[in-house]
Amino acid sequence: DAGGNVPITNLRGAFSSTLAEWTMTAMLYFNKQLPRVVGNQKTTTWDSVAMNELRGRTVGFVGFGSIAEATAKLCRAFGMRSLAVRRTTVRSAFAQTVSVEQLFAESDFVVCSLPATSDTYNFCSATLFSTMKSSAVFVSIGRGSAVDEDALIEALQEKRIAGAALDVFAIEPLPKSSPLWSLENVLLTRHSPKGCAFQQNAEQVFKKHLDNFKSGQPFTKTVDRNSGY
């Protein structure tokens, strides 16, 4: 069509550092047993809490765009091993590309940052959740439609996985009737990139687009119409 050749830009990269830090926070939240620590403080309980290390743990990235790569860089600083499932065959110095089955089976933390497309709908399925370690934590920071939420809730309720940290959901706002609100092994937030840092990053990306447009230079962050993002 007439608009098929018109480039569509996006804000790729503006979310990366904020969501990378959020993901590390989520992993530490479970690894350092922060809910129990806070609970002890509220009840004035002097209790010894086991503090596991992230060092030596395996994190698996379902989708490996700018957000996942920024997170993998932080994971390397923590001494973690990173695996990735990605659409392209381009290799990264920060993660080893493996099959999705191997990723879910070996990872201590599974981080989904998939976009919302027809190909990614319910990609993180009941079958894949069933292969996760009972000590593993699922982290969702991409789009809620990429996760079979009912299957995830069932896995959490039955303690087949240790927990989940969720920033996106199948339906938003998350309905008050959702079981996710009351599950003790779940950390919930609403689109964490909101804030001053994201605003500044977004303005920088937009300014780069505008400068390229005014100077006739090609855009560096455009939507691939075939892939849907």
Protein backbone atom coordinates (compact mmCIF):
# COMPACT_ATOMS: atom_id res chain seq x y z
CA ASP A 1 0.00 0.00 0.00
CA ALA A 2 0.99 3.66 -0.20
CA GLY A 3 2.15 3.75 3.42
CA GLY A 4 4.08 0.50 3.21
CA ASN A 5 7.36 2.25 2.54
CA VAL A 6 6.95 4.88 5.23
CA PRO A 7 9.29 4.05 8.14
CA ILE A 8 7.74 3.75 11.59
CA THR A 9 10.11 4.52 14.45
CA ASN A 10 9.92 3.26 18.02
CA LEU A 11 11.54 3.90 21.39
CA ARG A 12 13.77 0.83 21.41
CA GLY A 13 16.40 1.29 24.07
CA ALA A 14 14.49 3.81 26.18
CA PHE A 15 13.21 1.07 28.51
CA SER A 16 16.36 -1.03 28.64
CA SER A 17 18.27 0.23 31.68
CA THR A 18 15.19 0.71 33.85
CA LEU A 19 13.77 -2.74 33.11
CA ALA A 20 17.20 -4.35 33.45
CA GLU A 21 17.49 -2.92 36.96
CA TRP A 22 13.90 -3.97 37.74
CA THR A 23 14.72 -7.53 36.68
CA MET A 24 17.79 -7.65 38.90
CA THR A 25 15.65 -6.31 41.76
CA ALA A 26 13.11 -9.07 41.15
CA MET A 27 15.77 -11.78 41.20
CA LEU A 28 17.28 -10.42 44.41
CA TYR A 29 13.79 -10.09 45.92
CA PHE A 30 13.39 -13.86 45.77
CA ASN A 31 17.01 -14.90 46.22
CA LYS A 32 17.45 -12.82 49.39
CA GLN A 33 13.97 -13.75 50.71
CA LEU A 34 12.99 -10.11 51.10
CA PRO A 35 9.29 -10.83 51.84
CA ARG A 36 10.36 -12.88 54.84
CA VAL A 37 12.89 -10.24 55.92
CA VAL A 38 10.26 -7.46 55.80
CA GLY A 39 7.76 -9.68 57.59
CA ASN A 40 10.24 -10.33 60.38
CA GLN A 41 10.81 -6.61 60.78
CA LYS A 42 7.08 -5.91 61.02
CA THR A 43 6.61 -8.60 63.68
CA THR A 44 9.88 -7.78 65.50
CA THR A 45 11.07 -11.31 64.84
CA TRP A 46 14.82 -11.95 65.26
CA ASP A 47 15.13 -14.72 62.68
CA SER A 48 18.02 -16.17 60.68
CA VAL A 49 17.23 -15.99 56.95
CA ALA A 50 19.24 -17.89 54.33
CA MET A 51 20.60 -15.45 51.75
CA ASN A 52 21.41 -17.23 48.50
CA GLU A 53 23.76 -15.74 45.92
CA LEU A 54 22.99 -14.86 42.32
CA ARG A 55 26.58 -15.74 41.48
CA GLY A 56 26.65 -19.07 39.66
CA ARG A 57 22.91 -19.06 38.92
CA THR A 58 21.52 -19.42 35.40
CA VAL A 59 19.16 -16.86 33.88
CA GLY A 60 17.30 -17.63 30.67
CA PHE A 61 16.04 -14.87 28.38
CA VAL A 62 12.98 -15.60 26.25
CA GLY A 63 13.57 -12.98 23.59
CA PHE A 64 16.88 -11.16 23.42
CA GLY A 65 16.33 -7.56 22.35
CA SER A 66 17.79 -4.44 23.91
CA ILE A 67 16.08 -4.99 27.28
CA ALA A 68 17.32 -8.57 27.65
CA GLU A 69 20.83 -7.69 26.53
CA ALA A 70 21.01 -4.80 29.03
CA THR A 71 19.90 -7.24 31.74
CA ALA A 72 22.40 -9.88 30.65
CA LYS A 73 25.22 -7.34 31.05
CA LEU A 74 24.18 -6.79 34.67
CA CYS A 75 23.87 -10.54 35.19
CA ARG A 76 27.45 -10.98 34.03
CA ALA A 77 28.59 -8.48 36.68
CA PHE A 78 26.83 -10.69 39.25
CA GLY A 79 28.65 -13.76 37.96
CA MET A 80 25.58 -15.37 36.43
CA ARG A 81 25.31 -17.61 33.38
CA SER A 82 22.96 -16.34 30.66
CA LEU A 83 21.01 -18.37 28.10
CA ALA A 84 18.78 -16.96 25.37
CA VAL A 85 16.09 -17.91 22.89
CA ARG A 86 15.85 -15.41 20.06
CA ARG A 87 14.27 -14.98 16.63
CA THR A 88 17.49 -14.05 14.84
CA THR A 89 20.72 -16.04 14.49
CA VAL A 90 22.87 -13.10 15.56
CA ARG A 91 25.14 -14.11 18.42
CA SER A 92 25.64 -12.09 21.57
CA ALA A 93 28.72 -11.93 23.75
CA PHE A 94 26.44 -11.87 26.80
CA ALA A 95 24.27 -14.97 26.33
CA GLN A 96 24.45 -18.45 24.85
CA THR A 97 21.68 -19.26 22.35
CA VAL A 98 19.87 -22.50 23.19
CA SER A 99 16.54 -24.19 22.52
CA VAL A 100 13.52 -22.99 24.45
CA GLU A 101 13.20 -26.41 26.07
CA GLN A 102 16.77 -26.31 27.37
CA LEU A 103 16.32 -22.74 28.59
CA PHE A 104 13.24 -23.46 30.69
CA ALA A 105 14.72 -26.68 32.10
CA GLU A 106 18.12 -25.27 33.11
CA SER A 107 17.32 -21.72 34.23
CA ASP A 108 17.00 -20.58 37.82
CA PHE A 109 15.31 -17.44 36.50
CA VAL A 110 13.32 -17.29 33.24
CA VAL A 111 12.92 -13.72 31.94
CA CYS A 112 10.33 -13.15 29.20
CA SER A 113 10.62 -9.89 27.26
CA LEU A 114 8.73 -10.96 24.13
CA PRO A 115 6.66 -8.41 22.19
CA ALA A 116 2.97 -8.89 21.45
CA THR A 117 2.55 -10.59 18.07
CA SER A 118 0.50 -13.48 16.70
CA ASP A 119 3.63 -15.66 16.92
CA THR A 120 4.29 -14.91 20.61
CA TYR A 121 0.73 -15.34 21.93
CA ASN A 122 0.88 -17.66 25.00
CA PHE A 123 4.44 -18.58 24.01
CA CYS A 124 5.30 -19.24 27.66
CA SER A 125 2.93 -22.18 27.97
CA ALA A 126 1.84 -24.79 30.47
CA THR A 127 4.14 -27.27 28.78
CA LEU A 128 7.17 -25.03 29.27
CA PHE A 129 6.23 -24.13 32.85
CA SER A 130 6.05 -27.85 33.64
CA THR A 131 9.74 -28.24 32.71
CA MET A 132 10.99 -25.51 35.07
CA LYS A 133 12.87 -26.30 38.28
CA SER A 134 10.71 -26.21 41.41
CA SER A 135 13.16 -23.59 42.74
CA ALA A 136 12.95 -21.40 39.62
CA VAL A 137 11.36 -17.96 39.31
CA PHE A 138 9.54 -16.63 36.23
CA VAL A 139 9.93 -12.94 35.34
CA SER A 140 7.67 -11.20 32.80
CA ILE A 141 8.64 -7.76 31.47
CA GLY A 142 7.60 -7.85 27.80
CA ARG A 143 3.92 -8.17 26.98
CA GLY A 144 1.34 -10.05 28.99
CA SER A 145 -0.08 -11.80 25.93
CA ALA A 146 3.16 -13.79 25.56
CA VAL A 147 2.38 -15.68 28.78
CA ASP A 148 -0.34 -18.25 29.38
CA GLU A 149 -1.44 -16.56 32.58
CA ASP A 150 -3.83 -19.31 33.67
CA ALA A 151 -1.06 -21.89 33.34
CA LEU A 152 1.32 -19.65 35.29
CA ILE A 153 -1.20 -19.15 38.09
CA GLU A 154 -1.72 -22.90 38.34
CA ALA A 155 2.04 -23.51 38.54
CA LEU A 156 2.35 -20.88 41.28
CA GLN A 157 -0.64 -22.12 43.28
CA GLU A 158 0.64 -25.69 43.21
CA LYS A 159 4.18 -24.49 44.09
CA ARG A 160 5.58 -26.20 41.00
CA ILE A 161 7.79 -23.14 40.59
CA ALA A 162 9.13 -20.96 43.39
CA GLY A 163 7.66 -17.65 42.30
CA ALA A 164 7.01 -15.02 39.66
CA ALA A 165 7.78 -11.33 39.22
CA LEU A 166 5.29 -9.70 36.85
CA ASP A 167 5.29 -6.22 35.36
CA VAL A 168 2.83 -6.98 32.52
CA PHE A 169 -0.42 -8.94 32.34
CA ALA A 170 -2.89 -10.47 29.90
CA ILE A 171 -5.53 -7.94 30.97
CA GLU A 172 -4.56 -4.47 32.21
CA PRO A 173 -5.35 -3.09 34.68
CA LEU A 174 -5.06 -6.48 36.36
CA PRO A 175 -8.61 -7.39 37.50
CA LYS A 176 -9.09 -7.31 41.26
CA SER A 177 -10.48 -10.84 40.97
CA SER A 178 -7.15 -12.20 39.69
CA PRO A 179 -5.58 -14.80 42.00
CA LEU A 180 -2.20 -13.17 41.33
CA TRP A 181 -2.99 -10.40 43.83
CA SER A 182 -3.15 -12.80 46.77
CA LEU A 183 -0.34 -15.22 45.95
CA GLU A 184 2.52 -14.89 48.44
CA ASN A 185 5.08 -16.09 45.90
CA VAL A 186 4.36 -13.29 43.41
CA LEU A 187 5.81 -9.79 43.03
CA LEU A 188 3.54 -7.42 41.08
CA THR A 189 4.23 -3.99 39.58
CA ARG A 190 2.55 -1.87 36.94
CA HIS A 191 4.86 -1.01 34.03
CA SER A 192 7.92 -0.04 36.01
CA PRO A 193 9.64 2.13 33.33
CA LYS A 194 7.44 5.08 34.27
CA GLY A 195 9.55 7.81 35.83
CA CYS A 196 12.09 10.54 35.23
CA ALA A 197 14.82 8.25 33.88
CA PHE A 198 12.49 6.71 31.28
CA GLN A 199 11.23 10.15 30.28
CA GLN A 200 14.78 11.37 29.69
CA ASN A 201 15.72 8.24 27.76
CA ALA A 202 12.60 8.50 25.59
CA GLU A 203 13.31 12.15 24.82
CA GLN A 204 16.86 11.27 23.76
CA VAL A 205 15.64 8.53 21.41
CA PHE A 206 12.98 10.83 19.96
CA LYS A 207 15.52 13.63 19.45
CA LYS A 208 17.79 11.22 17.58
CA HIS A 209 14.87 10.26 15.30
CA LEU A 210 14.04 13.92 14.72
CA ASP A 211 17.65 14.85 13.97
CA ASN A 212 17.92 12.00 11.46
CA PHE A 213 14.65 13.06 9.82
CA LYS A 214 15.74 16.69 9.50
CA SER A 215 19.15 15.76 8.09
CA GLY A 216 17.85 13.09 5.74
CA GLN A 217 19.72 10.31 7.55
CA PRO A 218 18.21 6.81 7.92
CA PHE A 219 16.43 5.93 11.15
CA THR A 220 18.20 3.49 13.45
CA LYS A 221 15.19 2.17 15.39
CA THR A 222 12.31 1.24 13.11
CA VAL A 223 9.43 -1.22 13.24
CA ASP A 224 9.76 -4.36 11.14
CA ARG A 225 6.31 -4.72 9.60
CA ASN A 226 6.88 -8.42 8.88
CA SER A 227 7.72 -9.32 12.48
CA GLY A 228 5.17 -6.90 13.96
CA TYR A 229 7.51 -4.86 16.15
